N, C-alpha and C. Protein backbone atom coordinates (compact mmCIF):
# COMPACT_ATOMS: atom_id res chain seq x y z
N MET A 1 -103.49 -35.77 25.32
CA MET A 1 -102.95 -34.38 25.80
C MET A 1 -104.19 -33.51 25.80
N THR A 2 -104.49 -32.85 26.86
CA THR A 2 -105.66 -31.88 26.72
C THR A 2 -105.29 -30.73 25.95
N VAL A 3 -106.21 -29.68 25.45
CA VAL A 3 -106.04 -28.66 24.92
C VAL A 3 -105.18 -27.63 25.93
N ALA A 4 -105.55 -27.59 27.11
CA ALA A 4 -105.07 -26.68 28.04
C ALA A 4 -103.42 -26.96 28.24
N LEU A 5 -103.13 -28.30 28.27
CA LEU A 5 -101.88 -28.55 28.43
C LEU A 5 -100.93 -28.32 27.04
N SER A 6 -101.57 -28.48 25.97
CA SER A 6 -100.88 -28.20 24.52
C SER A 6 -100.84 -26.69 24.59
N THR A 7 -101.78 -25.92 24.76
CA THR A 7 -101.73 -24.61 24.94
C THR A 7 -100.62 -23.94 25.79
N ALA A 8 -100.44 -24.36 26.94
CA ALA A 8 -99.51 -24.12 28.02
C ALA A 8 -98.10 -24.33 27.39
N LEU A 9 -97.93 -25.60 26.87
CA LEU A 9 -96.52 -25.99 26.27
C LEU A 9 -96.17 -25.06 24.95
N SER A 10 -97.22 -24.92 24.29
CA SER A 10 -97.06 -23.80 23.01
C SER A 10 -96.56 -22.47 23.48
N GLY A 11 -97.16 -22.04 24.56
CA GLY A 11 -96.75 -20.82 25.11
C GLY A 11 -95.24 -20.75 25.84
N ILE A 12 -95.05 -21.81 26.37
CA ILE A 12 -93.56 -22.00 26.86
C ILE A 12 -92.76 -21.98 25.82
N SER A 13 -93.03 -22.78 24.72
CA SER A 13 -92.11 -23.00 23.48
C SER A 13 -91.81 -21.42 22.85
N SER A 14 -92.98 -20.69 22.98
CA SER A 14 -92.88 -19.56 22.17
C SER A 14 -92.09 -18.28 23.12
N ALA A 15 -92.23 -18.39 24.32
CA ALA A 15 -91.44 -17.79 25.41
C ALA A 15 -89.88 -18.02 25.05
N ASN A 16 -89.78 -19.38 25.06
CA ASN A 16 -88.47 -19.71 24.96
C ASN A 16 -87.66 -19.30 23.51
N GLU A 17 -88.28 -19.15 22.66
CA GLU A 17 -87.90 -18.82 21.26
C GLU A 17 -87.68 -17.46 21.20
N ARG A 18 -88.57 -16.60 22.00
CA ARG A 18 -88.47 -15.04 21.95
C ARG A 18 -87.12 -14.88 22.70
N LEU A 19 -86.89 -15.48 23.98
CA LEU A 19 -85.62 -15.45 24.72
C LEU A 19 -84.23 -15.71 24.01
N ARG A 20 -84.47 -16.83 23.21
CA ARG A 20 -83.36 -17.21 22.49
C ARG A 20 -83.12 -16.25 21.10
N ALA A 21 -84.02 -15.60 20.53
CA ALA A 21 -83.90 -14.83 19.50
C ALA A 21 -83.14 -13.41 20.20
N SER A 22 -83.69 -12.87 21.41
CA SER A 22 -83.34 -11.74 22.00
C SER A 22 -81.76 -11.94 22.54
N ALA A 23 -81.58 -13.14 23.12
CA ALA A 23 -80.22 -13.47 23.43
C ALA A 23 -79.10 -13.49 22.24
N SER A 24 -79.76 -13.90 21.06
CA SER A 24 -78.70 -14.01 19.92
C SER A 24 -78.54 -12.52 19.24
N ASN A 25 -79.57 -11.74 19.39
CA ASN A 25 -79.45 -10.38 19.17
C ASN A 25 -78.33 -9.51 19.94
N ILE A 26 -78.48 -9.80 21.26
CA ILE A 26 -77.34 -9.22 22.22
C ILE A 26 -75.99 -9.62 21.89
N ALA A 27 -75.73 -11.10 21.46
CA ALA A 27 -74.57 -11.60 21.08
C ALA A 27 -74.01 -10.96 19.70
N ASN A 28 -74.93 -10.88 18.93
CA ASN A 28 -74.47 -10.35 17.47
C ASN A 28 -74.19 -8.82 17.59
N MET A 29 -74.34 -8.14 18.89
CA MET A 29 -74.34 -6.67 18.58
C MET A 29 -73.11 -6.09 18.15
N ALA A 30 -71.95 -6.77 18.17
CA ALA A 30 -70.85 -6.35 17.88
C ALA A 30 -70.61 -6.11 16.26
N ALA A 31 -71.36 -6.86 15.38
CA ALA A 31 -71.29 -6.66 14.14
C ALA A 31 -72.23 -5.56 13.83
N SER A 32 -71.84 -4.46 13.25
CA SER A 32 -72.37 -3.18 12.81
C SER A 32 -73.49 -3.31 11.84
N ASN A 33 -73.54 -4.37 11.05
CA ASN A 33 -74.60 -4.38 10.02
C ASN A 33 -75.52 -5.33 10.01
N GLN A 34 -75.62 -5.77 11.59
CA GLN A 34 -76.76 -6.78 11.87
C GLN A 34 -78.08 -6.27 11.97
N ALA A 35 -79.05 -6.68 11.43
CA ALA A 35 -80.46 -6.40 11.44
C ALA A 35 -81.04 -7.30 12.76
N ARG A 36 -82.10 -6.91 13.20
CA ARG A 36 -82.60 -7.56 14.44
C ARG A 36 -83.63 -8.39 13.87
N PRO A 37 -83.53 -9.81 14.10
CA PRO A 37 -84.66 -10.68 13.85
C PRO A 37 -85.40 -10.59 15.06
N SER A 38 -86.79 -10.88 14.95
CA SER A 38 -87.75 -10.82 15.86
C SER A 38 -88.68 -11.91 15.73
N VAL A 39 -89.35 -12.45 16.89
CA VAL A 39 -90.56 -13.38 16.63
C VAL A 39 -91.71 -12.62 17.08
N GLU A 40 -92.54 -12.38 15.82
CA GLU A 40 -93.97 -11.97 16.13
C GLU A 40 -95.12 -13.00 16.24
N PRO A 41 -95.82 -13.17 17.03
CA PRO A 41 -96.85 -14.16 17.12
C PRO A 41 -97.95 -14.19 15.76
N THR A 42 -98.08 -12.89 15.44
CA THR A 42 -99.00 -12.87 14.36
C THR A 42 -98.34 -13.23 12.93
N ASN A 43 -97.05 -13.01 12.85
CA ASN A 43 -96.30 -13.23 11.61
C ASN A 43 -95.12 -13.82 11.69
N VAL A 44 -95.07 -15.15 11.89
CA VAL A 44 -93.68 -15.77 12.28
C VAL A 44 -92.83 -15.85 11.05
N ASP A 45 -93.36 -16.13 9.87
CA ASP A 45 -92.75 -16.39 8.58
C ASP A 45 -91.85 -15.05 8.09
N LYS A 46 -92.54 -13.86 8.25
CA LYS A 46 -91.67 -12.46 7.87
C LYS A 46 -91.76 -11.70 9.04
N ALA A 47 -90.91 -11.91 9.89
CA ALA A 47 -90.78 -11.00 11.01
C ALA A 47 -89.87 -9.56 10.57
N PRO A 48 -90.46 -8.44 11.14
CA PRO A 48 -89.66 -7.30 10.67
C PRO A 48 -88.31 -7.17 11.42
N GLU A 49 -87.43 -6.44 10.51
CA GLU A 49 -86.10 -6.34 11.05
C GLU A 49 -85.83 -4.82 11.41
N ARG A 50 -85.18 -4.85 12.62
CA ARG A 50 -85.03 -3.49 13.19
C ARG A 50 -83.65 -3.48 13.78
N GLU A 51 -82.99 -2.34 13.85
CA GLU A 51 -81.93 -2.16 14.58
C GLU A 51 -81.72 -2.63 15.85
N ILE A 52 -80.76 -3.19 16.10
CA ILE A 52 -80.46 -3.86 17.61
C ILE A 52 -80.47 -2.70 18.59
N ASN A 53 -81.22 -2.62 19.68
CA ASN A 53 -81.05 -1.59 20.80
C ASN A 53 -81.11 -2.56 22.04
N PRO A 54 -79.92 -2.28 22.79
CA PRO A 54 -79.91 -3.21 24.07
C PRO A 54 -80.99 -2.98 24.94
N ALA A 55 -81.73 -1.92 24.96
CA ALA A 55 -82.69 -1.63 25.99
C ALA A 55 -84.03 -2.37 25.52
N ASN A 56 -84.17 -2.32 24.15
CA ASN A 56 -85.33 -3.11 23.69
C ASN A 56 -85.19 -4.63 23.84
N GLU A 57 -83.86 -5.10 23.96
CA GLU A 57 -83.56 -6.55 24.04
C GLU A 57 -83.78 -7.04 25.54
N VAL A 58 -83.49 -6.02 26.40
CA VAL A 58 -83.73 -6.49 27.77
C VAL A 58 -85.33 -6.44 27.94
N VAL A 59 -85.97 -5.40 27.59
CA VAL A 59 -87.34 -5.39 27.87
C VAL A 59 -87.98 -6.90 27.17
N GLU A 60 -87.52 -7.21 25.94
CA GLU A 60 -87.76 -8.40 25.38
C GLU A 60 -87.62 -9.68 26.16
N GLN A 61 -86.33 -9.59 26.82
CA GLN A 61 -85.92 -10.78 27.64
C GLN A 61 -87.14 -10.95 28.79
N GLN A 62 -87.15 -9.78 29.41
CA GLN A 62 -88.13 -9.65 30.65
C GLN A 62 -89.41 -10.17 30.33
N ALA A 63 -89.97 -9.67 29.24
CA ALA A 63 -91.07 -10.05 28.68
C ALA A 63 -91.58 -11.57 28.49
N ALA A 64 -90.29 -12.10 27.84
CA ALA A 64 -90.41 -13.54 27.64
C ALA A 64 -90.34 -14.38 28.87
N ALA A 65 -89.55 -13.88 29.60
CA ALA A 65 -89.55 -14.55 31.02
C ALA A 65 -90.95 -14.52 31.88
N TYR A 66 -91.59 -13.60 31.85
CA TYR A 66 -93.01 -13.28 32.26
C TYR A 66 -93.92 -14.26 31.81
N ALA A 67 -93.86 -14.38 30.31
CA ALA A 67 -94.52 -15.29 29.66
C ALA A 67 -94.31 -16.53 29.95
N PHE A 68 -93.17 -17.19 30.14
CA PHE A 68 -92.70 -18.38 30.44
C PHE A 68 -93.31 -18.82 31.91
N VAL A 69 -93.20 -17.79 32.71
CA VAL A 69 -93.75 -18.19 34.13
C VAL A 69 -95.16 -18.34 34.23
N ALA A 70 -95.69 -17.12 33.34
CA ALA A 70 -97.23 -17.44 33.45
C ALA A 70 -97.79 -18.82 32.75
N ASN A 71 -97.02 -19.08 31.61
CA ASN A 71 -97.45 -20.55 30.97
C ASN A 71 -97.10 -21.58 31.96
N MET A 72 -95.93 -21.60 32.73
CA MET A 72 -95.93 -22.53 33.76
C MET A 72 -96.85 -22.74 34.74
N LYS A 73 -97.35 -21.33 35.29
CA LYS A 73 -98.40 -21.40 36.39
C LYS A 73 -99.78 -22.12 35.76
N VAL A 74 -100.08 -21.93 34.35
CA VAL A 74 -101.15 -22.43 33.90
C VAL A 74 -100.96 -23.92 33.84
N LEU A 75 -99.92 -24.41 33.32
CA LEU A 75 -99.50 -25.85 33.28
C LEU A 75 -99.51 -26.35 34.66
N GLN A 76 -98.91 -25.82 35.54
CA GLN A 76 -99.07 -26.25 36.99
C GLN A 76 -100.70 -26.21 37.54
N THR A 77 -101.37 -25.41 37.30
CA THR A 77 -102.68 -25.37 37.77
C THR A 77 -103.39 -26.44 36.98
N GLN A 78 -103.31 -26.57 35.65
CA GLN A 78 -103.91 -27.70 34.99
C GLN A 78 -103.47 -29.06 35.47
N LEU A 79 -102.44 -29.36 35.88
CA LEU A 79 -101.95 -30.66 36.34
C LEU A 79 -102.48 -30.88 37.71
N ASN A 80 -102.41 -29.73 38.52
CA ASN A 80 -103.21 -29.91 40.05
C ASN A 80 -104.66 -30.26 39.78
N THR A 81 -105.31 -29.63 38.81
CA THR A 81 -106.60 -29.74 38.77
C THR A 81 -106.96 -31.20 38.32
N THR A 82 -106.28 -31.69 37.26
CA THR A 82 -106.46 -33.09 36.92
C THR A 82 -106.09 -34.09 37.97
N GLY A 83 -105.14 -33.71 38.85
CA GLY A 83 -104.92 -34.68 39.95
C GLY A 83 -105.97 -34.59 40.83
N ALA A 84 -106.51 -33.50 41.16
CA ALA A 84 -107.79 -33.47 42.15
C ALA A 84 -108.85 -34.26 41.67
N LEU A 85 -109.11 -34.07 40.31
CA LEU A 85 -110.17 -34.69 39.65
C LEU A 85 -109.99 -36.28 39.77
N LEU A 86 -108.70 -36.68 39.53
CA LEU A 86 -108.47 -38.16 39.57
C LEU A 86 -108.69 -38.75 41.06
N ASP A 87 -108.33 -37.82 42.03
CA ASP A 87 -108.39 -38.17 43.47
C ASP A 87 -110.05 -38.30 43.80
N ILE A 88 -110.65 -37.65 43.25
CA ILE A 88 -112.19 -37.36 43.47
C ILE A 88 -112.84 -38.84 42.84
N LYS A 89 -112.33 -39.10 41.52
CA LYS A 89 -112.91 -40.39 40.83
C LYS A 89 -112.46 -41.70 41.49
N ALA A 90 -111.25 -41.66 42.27
CA ALA A 90 -110.73 -42.84 42.80
C ALA A 90 -111.23 -43.23 44.02
């Protein structure tokens, strides 16, 4: 697997985890004493905990969706490029 493929797949996984964490936060909003876990790319082990705000969660979900789509485009472009190169060599 090339570096570009693994980078795109890692980005997809990260976006998926951000979306999962945000969805979990929204689902747990009924509990008043819940702290907001978040996924930060620079510090995954100790993410800061904040109060759950629905507006922030919607923005987080949209950002995760855009990151997911962007990484899918990178993956698609890489696969198309690899296919074109194989066609040229064949």
